[in-house]
């Protein structure tokens, strides 16, 4: 793949996804969690759609990362540097806030804290300290699958891998429809609930990197949309169609108008914002409710406070740690004999 400039639209998409999730949490989800009000049937307000957009972005980015990786360890170290430092600080902040200013029914145990520090707590049947962490388990499962693709030297056949993946999802759902239920954790490892979003991201990256749209791209997109419709219904599949349209416009250079400094910055800090917005924002909004203040005032305050914390984490921890860990690794921080695979990935 020829080198291309940074795909700034992805940063904007990240910012949109993070704000989508935050607005859901600060409005409908807050009312459900603390005021015992049911969430109304307003599909486009569901924060899950923001996470789905994150998954599509991840499919795009991770295939790009695999192509640039020299080995599986190379990929793993770079992903570790990207995810864990900011996550650990966010986890420490969550533990501190729960200790000093707990929300209703928030209790910490040493086992829960230790498990959450690994980021694989859901696979250990241990609850998340912050509800937003659930999507990180999905991301880790996707990384594991992609490392498997790399080790099998199948990166250059990733589109056929995606076809097989969607077939597995279809068979999984068919078996459930016939009353044959396979272990739930296996389904989580295979990401049977969200595979279609990662596949869409992979498809758009493949088309973008080739500067070419092939029939198999269309086939995979249609199969992914049908998979989503079979899971959630036609109406709730509309946001996915919107995301596909956004990516299609972006990879063809028709969304450059959204490359605004603020939106790009929002995407840059989207990861720590996603990790911390709930723990910060909920407390700000509850403070406003306790003071009898208007929700219209304190939701913006919650967003600004969460953005400020995220910007601080990004500047003080996320970026320096990313540079330090990747610099250490690039200087030979991992013994080559311990690497899982050697040699560059075959290009798509």
Foldseek 3Di string as FASTA:
>chain_A
DDDDDDLLVLLLLLLVLLVLLLQLCLPQVLCCVPVVDHRDPDLSSDSVLSLLSVLLSLLQVLLVLQQVAFFLVSSVLLVCLQPQFLLVVLLVVLVVCCVVPNDPPQDDDPVLSVLVSVLCNVLVVHDHNDPLSPSSNLVVLVSVVVNVCQLVLNSVVVLVVLVVLLVVLVVQVVCVVVVRHDDPSVCSSSVSVRSLSSSLSNLLNVCLVVVHHDPSSVVSNVSSLVSNCVVPNDVSSVSVVVSSVSSVCSSVPNPCVSSDPVSSVSSLLSNSLSSNLNSQLSVQQVVCVVVVHDSVVRSVVSSVVSVVVSVCCSVPISVVSSCVSSVCVVVPVDPPVPTPDGGRRDDD
